[in-house]
Amino acid sequence: MPIKIHGFFKCNLELTIKRIFCLKLIIDHCSKTLSIKIVYFGPALSGKTTSIKALFSEFGKEEEVCSIESTVDRTLFFDYGTVTFQNEEWTLKIHIYTSTGQDFYLVTRPITLRAVDGVIFVIDSHEDVYERNLISWKELISYFSDSINYLPIIIAFNKQDLEDKFNSIDFLKEISYYKYQNIDTRFTSAIKGQGVLNCFEDILRLVLRRYYNHKLVSAIN
């Protein structure tokens, strides 16, 4: 059953739907449905699967996350689920995926990222795996070339419940965070469900703003 939108979703969805046209997102004018694809990306064991399950739990849909797992509960290909919001006229379907963190299944990651509208980059904040996060970030940007500068991204510094965390500012400096045009950061503890919904709201805000701005530019030109 679609979730009736209110608050953040109502303001942003109703404002944006009236003005945007199709870029990567899929618009079905007959059924008045917009479809957006969001992917959780990051290194192995950073908390991508925990994040998507915590998010769906916020909507009372924790049983609707589909996972392809190994015998030791590690993601083989991806986790997947859809959240649907509806106002008086339009339906917004958000298709949410996680990419596998296991390097053995590296070939599946660009497939999962295909036609993505926004990325939540999930960081393992433990100081011992700092380099692993950098490697994963470099892999992510390698898939998009120059378009990465405009891709909506939320960097989620996960595992904030741990004591031995690295400095997030150092990481942002190392990846030249400020050169990207459509990016933001948040702090999460997915295992406790903290900050996960905020990340989802923020990536949706960035995605819709991107398409809204694109429409304004098109109209002027």
N, C-alpha and C. Protein backbone atom coordinates (compact mmCIF):
# COMPACT_ATOMS: atom_id res chain seq x y z
N MET A 1 0.85 -1.19 0.00
CA MET A 1 0.00 0.00 0.00
C MET A 1 0.88 1.24 0.00
N PRO A 2 0.61 2.21 -0.88
CA PRO A 2 1.42 3.43 -0.91
C PRO A 2 1.32 4.20 0.40
N ILE A 3 2.41 4.88 0.76
CA ILE A 3 2.44 5.71 1.96
C ILE A 3 1.97 7.11 1.58
N LYS A 4 0.99 7.62 2.25
CA LYS A 4 0.52 8.98 2.01
C LYS A 4 1.61 9.95 2.43
N ILE A 5 1.92 10.89 1.59
CA ILE A 5 3.04 11.77 1.89
C ILE A 5 2.60 12.95 2.73
N HIS A 6 3.54 13.41 3.57
CA HIS A 6 3.27 14.57 4.42
C HIS A 6 4.62 15.16 4.81
N GLY A 7 4.61 16.32 5.41
CA GLY A 7 5.84 16.93 5.90
C GLY A 7 6.85 17.13 4.79
N PHE A 8 8.07 16.64 5.00
CA PHE A 8 9.17 16.80 4.05
C PHE A 8 8.77 16.28 2.67
N PHE A 9 8.22 15.07 2.62
CA PHE A 9 7.90 14.45 1.34
C PHE A 9 6.82 15.23 0.60
N LYS A 10 5.82 15.70 1.31
CA LYS A 10 4.72 16.42 0.66
C LYS A 10 5.21 17.72 0.04
N CYS A 11 6.00 18.49 0.79
CA CYS A 11 6.49 19.77 0.28
C CYS A 11 7.36 19.58 -0.95
N ASN A 12 8.31 18.65 -0.87
CA ASN A 12 9.26 18.47 -1.96
C ASN A 12 8.66 17.75 -3.15
N LEU A 13 7.85 16.73 -2.91
CA LEU A 13 7.28 15.98 -4.01
C LEU A 13 6.30 16.82 -4.80
N GLU A 14 5.40 17.53 -4.11
CA GLU A 14 4.39 18.30 -4.82
C GLU A 14 5.02 19.46 -5.59
N LEU A 15 6.04 20.09 -5.02
CA LEU A 15 6.71 21.18 -5.70
C LEU A 15 7.43 20.69 -6.94
N THR A 16 8.08 19.54 -6.82
CA THR A 16 8.94 19.06 -7.90
C THR A 16 8.15 18.40 -9.02
N ILE A 17 7.14 17.64 -8.68
CA ILE A 17 6.38 16.90 -9.68
C ILE A 17 5.77 17.82 -10.72
N LYS A 18 5.38 19.00 -10.32
CA LYS A 18 4.72 19.92 -11.24
C LYS A 18 5.66 20.42 -12.33
N ARG A 19 7.00 20.30 -12.12
CA ARG A 19 7.92 20.98 -13.01
C ARG A 19 8.97 20.11 -13.67
N ILE A 20 9.21 18.87 -13.18
CA ILE A 20 10.31 18.10 -13.73
C ILE A 20 9.86 17.24 -14.90
N PHE A 21 10.81 16.97 -15.80
CA PHE A 21 10.62 16.04 -16.90
C PHE A 21 11.70 14.98 -16.81
N CYS A 22 11.63 13.98 -17.67
CA CYS A 22 12.45 12.78 -17.48
C CYS A 22 13.92 13.00 -17.83
N LEU A 23 14.79 12.61 -16.89
CA LEU A 23 16.22 12.46 -17.17
C LEU A 23 16.51 10.97 -16.96
N LYS A 24 17.10 10.61 -15.85
CA LYS A 24 17.30 9.20 -15.55
C LYS A 24 16.06 8.59 -14.92
N LEU A 25 15.35 9.37 -14.12
CA LEU A 25 14.18 8.82 -13.48
C LEU A 25 13.12 8.49 -14.54
N ILE A 26 12.25 7.56 -14.22
CA ILE A 26 11.24 7.09 -15.17
C ILE A 26 9.91 7.72 -14.81
N ILE A 27 9.29 8.39 -15.78
CA ILE A 27 7.98 9.01 -15.57
C ILE A 27 6.94 8.33 -16.46
N ASP A 28 5.91 7.82 -15.85
CA ASP A 28 4.78 7.22 -16.57
C ASP A 28 3.61 8.20 -16.46
N HIS A 29 3.38 8.95 -17.52
CA HIS A 29 2.34 9.97 -17.48
C HIS A 29 0.94 9.36 -17.44
N CYS A 30 0.80 8.16 -17.99
CA CYS A 30 -0.53 7.53 -17.98
C CYS A 30 -0.97 7.17 -16.56
N SER A 31 -0.05 6.58 -15.81
CA SER A 31 -0.39 6.19 -14.44
C SER A 31 0.03 7.25 -13.42
N LYS A 32 0.64 8.36 -13.93
CA LYS A 32 1.15 9.43 -13.07
C LYS A 32 2.06 8.87 -11.98
N THR A 33 3.07 8.12 -12.44
CA THR A 33 4.03 7.49 -11.54
C THR A 33 5.44 7.91 -11.90
N LEU A 34 6.22 8.31 -10.90
CA LEU A 34 7.63 8.58 -11.06
C LEU A 34 8.41 7.49 -10.35
N SER A 35 9.46 6.99 -11.00
CA SER A 35 10.30 5.95 -10.40
C SER A 35 11.73 6.45 -10.28
N ILE A 36 12.29 6.31 -9.10
CA ILE A 36 13.65 6.75 -8.81
C ILE A 36 14.44 5.57 -8.26
N LYS A 37 15.73 5.51 -8.62
CA LYS A 37 16.59 4.43 -8.15
C LYS A 37 17.68 4.98 -7.23
N ILE A 38 17.75 4.43 -6.03
CA ILE A 38 18.77 4.80 -5.04
C ILE A 38 19.59 3.55 -4.71
N VAL A 39 20.91 3.72 -4.61
CA VAL A 39 21.79 2.59 -4.29
C VAL A 39 22.65 2.92 -3.07
N TYR A 40 22.67 1.98 -2.11
CA TYR A 40 23.63 2.03 -1.02
C TYR A 40 24.93 1.39 -1.51
N PHE A 41 26.02 2.15 -1.46
CA PHE A 41 27.31 1.66 -1.94
C PHE A 41 28.33 1.85 -0.83
N GLY A 42 29.36 1.00 -0.81
CA GLY A 42 30.40 1.14 0.20
C GLY A 42 31.17 -0.15 0.37
N PRO A 43 32.21 -0.13 1.21
CA PRO A 43 33.04 -1.31 1.39
C PRO A 43 32.31 -2.43 2.11
N ALA A 44 32.92 -3.61 2.08
CA ALA A 44 32.34 -4.77 2.76
C ALA A 44 32.18 -4.50 4.25
N LEU A 45 31.08 -4.94 4.79
CA LEU A 45 30.79 -4.86 6.22
C LEU A 45 30.64 -3.44 6.74
N SER A 46 30.35 -2.50 5.85
CA SER A 46 30.17 -1.11 6.30
C SER A 46 28.78 -0.86 6.86
N GLY A 47 27.83 -1.76 6.55
CA GLY A 47 26.48 -1.62 7.09
C GLY A 47 25.42 -1.29 6.06
N LYS A 48 25.66 -1.64 4.81
CA LYS A 48 24.68 -1.32 3.75
C LYS A 48 23.39 -2.11 3.94
N THR A 49 23.50 -3.41 4.15
CA THR A 49 22.31 -4.23 4.35
C THR A 49 21.59 -3.83 5.64
N THR A 50 22.34 -3.57 6.69
CA THR A 50 21.74 -3.13 7.95
C THR A 50 21.00 -1.81 7.75
N SER A 51 21.56 -0.93 6.91
CA SER A 51 20.94 0.38 6.66
C SER A 51 19.62 0.24 5.93
N ILE A 52 19.59 -0.57 4.88
CA ILE A 52 18.35 -0.69 4.11
C ILE A 52 17.27 -1.37 4.96
N LYS A 53 17.66 -2.33 5.79
CA LYS A 53 16.68 -2.99 6.65
C LYS A 53 16.16 -2.04 7.73
N ALA A 54 17.05 -1.20 8.24
CA ALA A 54 16.63 -0.21 9.24
C ALA A 54 15.68 0.81 8.61
N LEU A 55 15.97 1.19 7.36
CA LEU A 55 15.10 2.14 6.66
C LEU A 55 13.71 1.57 6.47
N PHE A 56 13.63 0.36 5.97
CA PHE A 56 12.31 -0.25 5.73
C PHE A 56 11.57 -0.50 7.04
N SER A 57 12.31 -0.71 8.10
CA SER A 57 11.68 -0.86 9.41
C SER A 57 10.99 0.44 9.83
N GLU A 58 11.55 1.58 9.42
CA GLU A 58 10.94 2.88 9.72
C GLU A 58 9.55 2.99 9.10
N PHE A 59 9.35 2.31 7.98
CA PHE A 59 8.06 2.37 7.28
C PHE A 59 7.19 1.15 7.58
N GLY A 60 7.62 0.32 8.52
CA GLY A 60 6.86 -0.89 8.84
C GLY A 60 6.89 -1.91 7.73
N LYS A 61 7.96 -1.90 6.93
CA LYS A 61 8.05 -2.79 5.78
C LYS A 61 9.32 -3.64 5.81
N GLU A 62 9.81 -3.95 7.01
CA GLU A 62 11.08 -4.66 7.12
C GLU A 62 11.06 -6.02 6.44
N GLU A 63 9.88 -6.62 6.31
CA GLU A 63 9.78 -7.93 5.67
C GLU A 63 9.77 -7.84 4.14
N GLU A 64 9.77 -6.62 3.61
CA GLU A 64 9.68 -6.45 2.16
C GLU A 64 11.04 -6.22 1.49
N VAL A 65 12.11 -6.34 2.26
CA VAL A 65 13.45 -6.26 1.68
C VAL A 65 13.85 -7.63 1.18
N CYS A 66 14.16 -7.72 -0.11
CA CYS A 66 14.60 -8.98 -0.71
C CYS A 66 16.13 -9.01 -0.73
N SER A 67 16.71 -10.10 -0.25
CA SER A 67 18.16 -10.22 -0.19
C SER A 67 18.62 -11.50 -0.85
N ILE A 68 19.72 -11.40 -1.59
CA ILE A 68 20.38 -12.59 -2.14
C ILE A 68 21.64 -12.76 -1.31
N GLU A 69 21.62 -13.72 -0.38
CA GLU A 69 22.71 -13.85 0.58
C GLU A 69 23.44 -15.18 0.43
N SER A 70 24.66 -15.22 0.98
CA SER A 70 25.44 -16.46 1.02
C SER A 70 25.02 -17.25 2.25
N THR A 71 25.67 -18.36 2.48
CA THR A 71 25.33 -19.20 3.62
C THR A 71 25.76 -18.58 4.95
N VAL A 72 26.58 -17.52 4.88
CA VAL A 72 27.01 -16.84 6.12
C VAL A 72 26.40 -15.45 6.21
N ASP A 73 25.24 -15.27 5.57
CA ASP A 73 24.48 -14.02 5.64
C ASP A 73 25.24 -12.82 5.09
N ARG A 74 26.05 -13.01 4.07
CA ARG A 74 26.72 -11.92 3.38
C ARG A 74 26.02 -11.70 2.04
N THR A 75 25.88 -10.45 1.63
CA THR A 75 25.17 -10.14 0.39
C THR A 75 25.97 -10.62 -0.82
N LEU A 76 25.34 -11.45 -1.65
CA LEU A 76 26.00 -11.96 -2.85
C LEU A 76 25.89 -10.98 -4.01
N PHE A 77 24.70 -10.48 -4.26
CA PHE A 77 24.46 -9.61 -5.42
C PHE A 77 23.96 -8.26 -4.93
N PHE A 78 22.75 -8.23 -4.37
CA PHE A 78 22.22 -6.99 -3.82
C PHE A 78 21.03 -7.28 -2.92
N ASP A 79 20.69 -6.29 -2.11
CA ASP A 79 19.41 -6.26 -1.40
C ASP A 79 18.53 -5.30 -2.18
N TYR A 80 17.23 -5.51 -2.11
CA TYR A 80 16.34 -4.67 -2.92
C TYR A 80 14.99 -4.51 -2.23
N GLY A 81 14.43 -3.32 -2.38
CA GLY A 81 13.07 -3.07 -1.90
C GLY A 81 12.54 -1.80 -2.53
N THR A 82 11.23 -1.61 -2.49
CA THR A 82 10.59 -0.43 -3.06
C THR A 82 9.73 0.25 -2.01
N VAL A 83 9.89 1.55 -1.90
CA VAL A 83 9.04 2.37 -1.04
C VAL A 83 8.21 3.28 -1.94
N THR A 84 6.92 3.34 -1.70
CA THR A 84 6.01 4.12 -2.55
C THR A 84 5.33 5.20 -1.73
N PHE A 85 5.37 6.42 -2.26
CA PHE A 85 4.68 7.55 -1.64
C PHE A 85 3.64 8.08 -2.62
N GLN A 86 2.57 8.62 -2.11
CA GLN A 86 1.47 9.05 -2.98
C GLN A 86 0.84 10.33 -2.45
N ASN A 87 0.60 11.29 -3.38
CA ASN A 87 -0.21 12.44 -3.03
C ASN A 87 -1.51 12.38 -3.81
N GLU A 88 -2.20 13.50 -3.95
CA GLU A 88 -3.52 13.46 -4.59
C GLU A 88 -3.45 13.08 -6.07
N GLU A 89 -2.31 13.36 -6.74
CA GLU A 89 -2.24 13.14 -8.18
C GLU A 89 -1.17 12.13 -8.59
N TRP A 90 -0.02 12.17 -7.94
CA TRP A 90 1.12 11.40 -8.41
C TRP A 90 1.57 10.36 -7.38
N THR A 91 2.21 9.31 -7.92
CA THR A 91 2.82 8.28 -7.09
C THR A 91 4.33 8.30 -7.33
N LEU A 92 5.09 8.29 -6.26
CA LEU A 92 6.55 8.25 -6.35
C LEU A 92 7.03 6.89 -5.86
N LYS A 93 7.64 6.11 -6.75
CA LYS A 93 8.19 4.81 -6.40
C LYS A 93 9.71 4.93 -6.29
N ILE A 94 10.24 4.58 -5.15
CA ILE A 94 11.68 4.66 -4.93
C ILE A 94 12.22 3.24 -4.81
N HIS A 95 12.99 2.84 -5.81
CA HIS A 95 13.58 1.51 -5.85
C HIS A 95 14.96 1.59 -5.19
N ILE A 96 15.15 0.85 -4.12
CA ILE A 96 16.35 0.98 -3.30
C ILE A 96 17.15 -0.33 -3.34
N TYR A 97 18.43 -0.20 -3.66
CA TYR A 97 19.32 -1.35 -3.77
C TYR A 97 20.53 -1.16 -2.86
N THR A 98 21.18 -2.26 -2.52
CA THR A 98 22.52 -2.21 -1.97
C THR A 98 23.44 -2.93 -2.94
N SER A 99 24.69 -2.48 -3.03
CA SER A 99 25.68 -3.21 -3.81
C SER A 99 26.42 -4.16 -2.87
N THR A 100 26.90 -5.25 -3.40
CA THR A 100 27.67 -6.17 -2.58
C THR A 100 29.03 -5.56 -2.26
N GLY A 101 29.52 -5.79 -1.05
CA GLY A 101 30.84 -5.28 -0.68
C GLY A 101 31.94 -6.28 -0.93
N GLN A 102 31.59 -7.52 -1.20
CA GLN A 102 32.58 -8.57 -1.38
C GLN A 102 33.28 -8.41 -2.73
N ASP A 103 34.60 -8.37 -2.71
CA ASP A 103 35.35 -8.16 -3.95
C ASP A 103 35.20 -9.32 -4.92
N PHE A 104 34.87 -10.50 -4.42
CA PHE A 104 34.68 -11.65 -5.30
C PHE A 104 33.55 -11.39 -6.30
N TYR A 105 32.58 -10.55 -5.91
CA TYR A 105 31.44 -10.24 -6.76
C TYR A 105 31.52 -8.81 -7.32
N LEU A 106 32.75 -8.34 -7.50
CA LEU A 106 33.01 -7.00 -8.00
C LEU A 106 32.25 -6.69 -9.29
N VAL A 107 32.12 -7.67 -10.16
CA VAL A 107 31.50 -7.45 -11.46
C VAL A 107 30.04 -7.05 -11.34
N THR A 108 29.40 -7.35 -10.22
CA THR A 108 27.97 -7.03 -10.06
C THR A 108 27.75 -5.57 -9.69
N ARG A 109 28.76 -4.90 -9.18
CA ARG A 109 28.56 -3.53 -8.67
C ARG A 109 28.16 -2.53 -9.76
N PRO A 110 28.88 -2.47 -10.88
CA PRO A 110 28.43 -1.52 -11.92
C PRO A 110 27.05 -1.84 -12.47
N ILE A 111 26.67 -3.11 -12.42
CA ILE A 111 25.32 -3.49 -12.87
C ILE A 111 24.28 -2.91 -11.92
N THR A 112 24.54 -3.02 -10.62
CA THR A 112 23.63 -2.47 -9.63
C THR A 112 23.52 -0.96 -9.74
N LEU A 113 24.61 -0.30 -10.13
CA LEU A 113 24.64 1.16 -10.23
C LEU A 113 24.04 1.70 -11.53
N ARG A 114 23.74 0.82 -12.45
CA ARG A 114 23.24 1.26 -13.75
C ARG A 114 21.95 2.08 -13.59
N ALA A 115 21.92 3.26 -14.24
CA ALA A 115 20.74 4.14 -14.25
C ALA A 115 20.36 4.61 -12.84
N VAL A 116 21.34 4.74 -11.97
CA VAL A 116 21.06 5.18 -10.60
C VAL A 116 20.79 6.69 -10.59
N ASP A 117 19.90 7.11 -9.71
CA ASP A 117 19.58 8.53 -9.55
C ASP A 117 20.31 9.15 -8.37
N GLY A 118 20.65 8.35 -7.38
CA GLY A 118 21.34 8.86 -6.21
C GLY A 118 22.02 7.73 -5.45
N VAL A 119 23.11 8.06 -4.76
CA VAL A 119 23.90 7.06 -4.03
C VAL A 119 24.04 7.48 -2.57
N ILE A 120 23.83 6.52 -1.67
CA ILE A 120 24.19 6.70 -0.27
C ILE A 120 25.46 5.89 -0.06
N PHE A 121 26.57 6.58 0.14
CA PHE A 121 27.86 5.92 0.32
C PHE A 121 28.05 5.63 1.80
N VAL A 122 27.99 4.36 2.16
CA VAL A 122 28.02 3.95 3.57
C VAL A 122 29.47 3.67 3.98
N ILE A 123 29.95 4.42 4.94
CA ILE A 123 31.33 4.32 5.41
C ILE A 123 31.39 3.52 6.71
N ASP A 124 32.37 2.65 6.80
CA ASP A 124 32.69 1.99 8.06
C ASP A 124 33.63 2.91 8.81
N SER A 125 33.15 3.52 9.88
CA SER A 125 33.90 4.56 10.57
C SER A 125 35.00 4.04 11.49
N HIS A 126 35.16 2.74 11.59
CA HIS A 126 36.22 2.20 12.45
C HIS A 126 37.58 2.59 11.89
N GLU A 127 38.47 3.06 12.74
CA GLU A 127 39.76 3.59 12.29
C GLU A 127 40.63 2.56 11.59
N ASP A 128 40.44 1.28 11.88
CA ASP A 128 41.26 0.24 11.27
C ASP A 128 40.94 0.00 9.80
N VAL A 129 39.78 0.48 9.32
CA VAL A 129 39.39 0.21 7.93
C VAL A 129 39.28 1.51 7.12
N TYR A 130 39.99 2.52 7.56
CA TYR A 130 39.98 3.81 6.85
C TYR A 130 40.32 3.64 5.39
N GLU A 131 41.39 2.92 5.08
CA GLU A 131 41.84 2.74 3.69
C GLU A 131 40.81 2.00 2.85
N ARG A 132 40.10 1.08 3.46
CA ARG A 132 39.09 0.32 2.73
C ARG A 132 37.98 1.24 2.22
N ASN A 133 37.64 2.25 3.00
CA ASN A 133 36.64 3.24 2.57
C ASN A 133 37.15 4.06 1.40
N LEU A 134 38.42 4.45 1.44
CA LEU A 134 39.01 5.21 0.33
C LEU A 134 39.00 4.41 -0.96
N ILE A 135 39.36 3.15 -0.86
CA ILE A 135 39.37 2.28 -2.04
C ILE A 135 37.97 2.18 -2.64
N SER A 136 36.98 2.02 -1.78
CA SER A 136 35.60 1.90 -2.25
C SER A 136 35.13 3.20 -2.90
N TRP A 137 35.52 4.34 -2.31
CA TRP A 137 35.14 5.63 -2.90
C TRP A 137 35.76 5.80 -4.29
N LYS A 138 37.03 5.47 -4.42
CA LYS A 138 37.70 5.58 -5.71
C LYS A 138 37.05 4.66 -6.75
N GLU A 139 36.61 3.50 -6.30
CA GLU A 139 35.90 2.60 -7.21
C GLU A 139 34.59 3.23 -7.67
N LEU A 140 33.86 3.82 -6.73
CA LEU A 140 32.59 4.44 -7.08
C LEU A 140 32.77 5.52 -8.14
N ILE A 141 33.71 6.43 -7.93
CA ILE A 141 33.87 7.53 -8.88
C ILE A 141 34.40 7.04 -10.23
N SER A 142 35.07 5.88 -10.24
CA SER A 142 35.58 5.35 -11.51
C SER A 142 34.46 4.93 -12.44
N TYR A 143 33.30 4.63 -11.90
CA TYR A 143 32.17 4.18 -12.71
C TYR A 143 31.45 5.33 -13.40
N PHE A 144 31.70 6.57 -12.98
CA PHE A 144 30.90 7.69 -13.47
C PHE A 144 31.70 8.77 -14.20
N SER A 145 33.01 8.70 -14.14
CA SER A 145 33.84 9.70 -14.82
C SER A 145 33.45 11.10 -14.33
N ASP A 146 33.32 12.07 -15.23
CA ASP A 146 33.03 13.45 -14.82
C ASP A 146 31.63 13.63 -14.26
N SER A 147 30.71 12.74 -14.60
CA SER A 147 29.33 12.89 -14.12
C SER A 147 29.22 12.71 -12.61
N ILE A 148 30.26 12.15 -11.97
CA ILE A 148 30.23 11.97 -10.52
C ILE A 148 30.13 13.32 -9.81
N ASN A 149 30.58 14.37 -10.47
CA ASN A 149 30.55 15.70 -9.86
C ASN A 149 29.13 16.20 -9.62
N TYR A 150 28.16 15.64 -10.35
CA TYR A 150 26.78 16.11 -10.26
C TYR A 150 25.83 15.04 -9.72
N LEU A 151 26.33 13.83 -9.56
CA LEU A 151 25.49 12.75 -9.05
C LEU A 151 25.12 13.03 -7.59
N PRO A 152 23.84 12.96 -7.23
CA PRO A 152 23.45 13.14 -5.83
C PRO A 152 24.04 12.04 -4.95
N ILE A 153 24.80 12.45 -3.93
CA ILE A 153 25.45 11.50 -3.03
C ILE A 153 25.31 11.97 -1.59
N ILE A 154 24.94 11.05 -0.72
CA ILE A 154 25.02 11.28 0.72
C ILE A 154 26.11 10.36 1.25
N ILE A 155 27.11 10.93 1.91
CA ILE A 155 28.14 10.12 2.55
C ILE A 155 27.68 9.88 3.99
N ALA A 156 27.41 8.62 4.30
CA ALA A 156 26.91 8.25 5.63
C ALA A 156 28.05 7.65 6.43
N PHE A 157 28.54 8.38 7.41
CA PHE A 157 29.57 7.86 8.30
C PHE A 157 28.88 6.95 9.31
N ASN A 158 28.86 5.67 8.98
CA ASN A 158 28.13 4.69 9.78
C ASN A 158 28.98 4.20 10.96
N LYS A 159 28.34 3.46 11.83
CA LYS A 159 28.96 2.86 13.02
C LYS A 159 29.45 3.94 14.00
N GLN A 160 28.63 4.96 14.15
CA GLN A 160 28.99 6.02 15.10
C GLN A 160 28.88 5.56 16.55
N ASP A 161 28.36 4.36 16.76
CA ASP A 161 28.28 3.79 18.11
C ASP A 161 29.63 3.23 18.56
N LEU A 162 30.60 3.11 17.63
CA LEU A 162 31.92 2.58 17.99
C LEU A 162 32.76 3.66 18.67
N GLU A 163 33.70 3.22 19.48
CA GLU A 163 34.60 4.17 20.16
C GLU A 163 35.78 4.56 19.28
N ASP A 164 36.35 3.61 18.56
CA ASP A 164 37.57 3.86 17.77
C ASP A 164 37.21 4.27 16.36
N LYS A 165 36.81 5.54 16.20
CA LYS A 165 36.40 6.05 14.89
C LYS A 165 37.48 6.98 14.35
N PHE A 166 37.61 6.98 13.01
CA PHE A 166 38.54 7.94 12.41
C PHE A 166 37.84 9.29 12.26
N ASN A 167 38.62 10.33 12.00
CA ASN A 167 38.11 11.69 11.87
C ASN A 167 37.45 11.86 10.50
N SER A 168 36.18 12.17 10.50
CA SER A 168 35.44 12.30 9.23
C SER A 168 35.98 13.45 8.39
N ILE A 169 36.46 14.50 9.02
CA ILE A 169 37.00 15.65 8.29
C ILE A 169 38.22 15.24 7.47
N ASP A 170 39.07 14.38 8.04
CA ASP A 170 40.25 13.90 7.32
C ASP A 170 39.83 13.14 6.06
N PHE A 171 38.80 12.34 6.18
CA PHE A 171 38.33 11.58 5.02
C PHE A 171 37.80 12.51 3.94
N LEU A 172 37.00 13.48 4.33
CA LEU A 172 36.41 14.41 3.36
C LEU A 172 37.49 15.22 2.65
N LYS A 173 38.51 15.60 3.37
CA LYS A 173 39.62 16.32 2.74
C LYS A 173 40.33 15.44 1.73
N GLU A 174 40.52 14.19 2.09
CA GLU A 174 41.28 13.29 1.22
C GLU A 174 40.56 12.99 -0.09
N ILE A 175 39.24 12.99 -0.07
CA ILE A 175 38.48 12.74 -1.31
C ILE A 175 38.12 14.03 -2.04
N SER A 176 38.62 15.16 -1.54
CA SER A 176 38.31 16.47 -2.14
C SER A 176 36.80 16.69 -2.20
N TYR A 177 36.18 16.51 -1.06
CA TYR A 177 34.73 16.57 -0.92
C TYR A 177 34.11 17.83 -1.53
N TYR A 178 34.77 18.96 -1.36
CA TYR A 178 34.15 20.24 -1.73
C TYR A 178 34.10 20.49 -3.23
N LYS A 179 34.72 19.63 -4.02
CA LYS A 179 34.67 19.84 -5.46
C LYS A 179 33.39 19.26 -6.08
N TYR A 180 32.67 18.44 -5.32
CA TYR A 180 31.45 17.81 -5.84
C TYR A 180 30.26 18.76 -5.66
N GLN A 181 29.37 18.73 -6.63
CA GLN A 181 28.31 19.73 -6.71
C GLN A 181 27.01 19.33 -6.00
N ASN A 182 26.81 18.06 -5.74
CA ASN A 182 25.51 17.60 -5.25
C ASN A 182 25.70 16.54 -4.18
N ILE A 183 26.34 16.92 -3.10
CA ILE A 183 26.77 15.95 -2.09
C ILE A 183 26.53 16.52 -0.70
N ASP A 184 26.34 15.61 0.25
CA ASP A 184 26.15 16.01 1.64
C ASP A 184 26.62 14.87 2.54
N THR A 185 26.73 15.11 3.82
CA THR A 185 27.19 14.08 4.76
C THR A 185 26.21 13.93 5.91
N ARG A 186 26.20 12.72 6.47
CA ARG A 186 25.40 12.45 7.66
C ARG A 186 26.13 11.42 8.51
N PHE A 187 25.76 11.33 9.78
CA PHE A 187 26.33 10.35 10.70
C PHE A 187 25.23 9.37 11.10
N THR A 188 25.55 8.08 11.02
CA THR A 188 24.53 7.06 11.28
C THR A 188 25.07 5.95 12.18
N SER A 189 24.15 5.29 12.79
CA SER A 189 24.41 4.02 13.47
C SER A 189 23.28 3.10 13.03
N ALA A 190 23.50 2.45 11.90
CA ALA A 190 22.42 1.66 11.29
C ALA A 190 21.94 0.55 12.20
N ILE A 191 22.85 -0.04 12.96
CA ILE A 191 22.47 -1.15 13.82
C ILE A 191 21.50 -0.69 14.91
N LYS A 192 21.53 0.62 15.22
CA LYS A 192 20.59 1.19 16.18
C LYS A 192 19.46 1.95 15.50
N GLY A 193 19.51 2.00 14.17
CA GLY A 193 18.47 2.70 13.42
C GLY A 193 18.60 4.21 13.47
N GLN A 194 19.74 4.71 13.87
CA GLN A 194 19.92 6.15 14.05
C GLN A 194 20.47 6.81 12.78
N GLY A 195 19.79 7.84 12.31
CA GLY A 195 20.25 8.61 11.17
C GLY A 195 19.92 8.03 9.81
N VAL A 196 19.38 6.84 9.77
CA VAL A 196 19.11 6.16 8.50
C VAL A 196 17.99 6.86 7.73
N LEU A 197 16.92 7.19 8.43
CA LEU A 197 15.81 7.88 7.77
C LEU A 197 16.24 9.26 7.29
N ASN A 198 17.05 9.94 8.06
CA ASN A 198 17.54 11.26 7.64
C ASN A 198 18.35 11.16 6.34
N CYS A 199 19.18 10.14 6.24
CA CYS A 199 19.95 9.93 5.00
C CYS A 199 19.02 9.73 3.81
N PHE A 200 17.97 8.95 4.01
CA PHE A 200 17.02 8.69 2.94
C PHE A 200 16.32 9.97 2.51
N GLU A 201 15.88 10.76 3.47
CA GLU A 201 15.23 12.03 3.16
C GLU A 201 16.18 12.96 2.42
N ASP A 202 17.43 12.96 2.85
CA ASP A 202 18.41 13.87 2.24
C ASP A 202 18.77 13.47 0.82
N ILE A 203 18.93 12.18 0.55
CA ILE A 203 19.26 11.77 -0.82
C ILE A 203 18.07 12.03 -1.74
N LEU A 204 16.88 11.85 -1.22
CA LEU A 204 15.69 12.15 -2.02
C LEU A 204 15.62 13.65 -2.32
N ARG A 205 15.96 14.47 -1.34
CA ARG A 205 15.98 15.91 -1.55
C ARG A 205 16.98 16.30 -2.64
N LEU A 206 18.18 15.71 -2.60
CA LEU A 206 19.20 16.02 -3.60
C LEU A 206 18.78 15.57 -4.99
N VAL A 207 18.18 14.39 -5.08
CA VAL A 207 17.74 13.86 -6.38
C VAL A 207 16.66 14.73 -6.98
N LEU A 208 15.65 15.06 -6.20
CA LEU A 208 14.55 15.87 -6.72
C LEU A 208 15.01 17.28 -7.05
N ARG A 209 15.91 17.82 -6.25
CA ARG A 209 16.44 19.15 -6.54
C ARG A 209 17.21 19.16 -7.86
N ARG A 210 17.94 18.09 -8.11
CA ARG A 210 18.70 18.01 -9.36
C ARG A 210 17.79 18.07 -10.56
N TYR A 211 16.72 17.30 -10.55
CA TYR A 211 15.80 17.29 -11.68
C TYR A 211 15.00 18.58 -11.78
N TYR A 212 14.67 19.12 -10.64
CA TYR A 212 13.96 20.40 -10.62
C TYR A 212 14.83 21.49 -11.24
N ASN A 213 16.08 21.55 -10.85
CA ASN A 213 17.00 22.55 -11.40
C ASN A 213 17.23 22.34 -12.88
N HIS A 214 17.30 21.11 -13.30
CA HIS A 214 17.50 20.81 -14.71
C HIS A 214 16.34 21.34 -15.55
N LYS A 215 15.14 21.20 -15.02
CA LYS A 215 13.96 21.70 -15.75
C LYS A 215 14.02 23.22 -15.89
N LEU A 216 14.45 23.93 -14.85
CA LEU A 216 14.54 25.37 -14.92
C LEU A 216 15.55 25.79 -15.97
N VAL A 217 16.68 25.10 -16.04
CA VAL A 217 17.69 25.41 -17.04
C VAL A 217 17.15 25.15 -18.44
N SER A 218 16.43 24.05 -18.61
CA SER A 218 15.86 23.73 -19.92
C SER A 218 14.86 24.79 -20.36
N ALA A 219 14.07 25.28 -19.42
CA ALA A 219 13.06 26.27 -19.76
C ALA A 219 13.71 27.58 -20.22
N ILE A 220 14.80 27.93 -19.53
CA ILE A 220 15.48 29.17 -19.89
C ILE A 220 16.12 29.06 -21.26
N ASN A 221 16.68 27.87 -21.55
CA ASN A 221 17.35 27.69 -22.83
C ASN A 221 16.36 27.42 -23.96
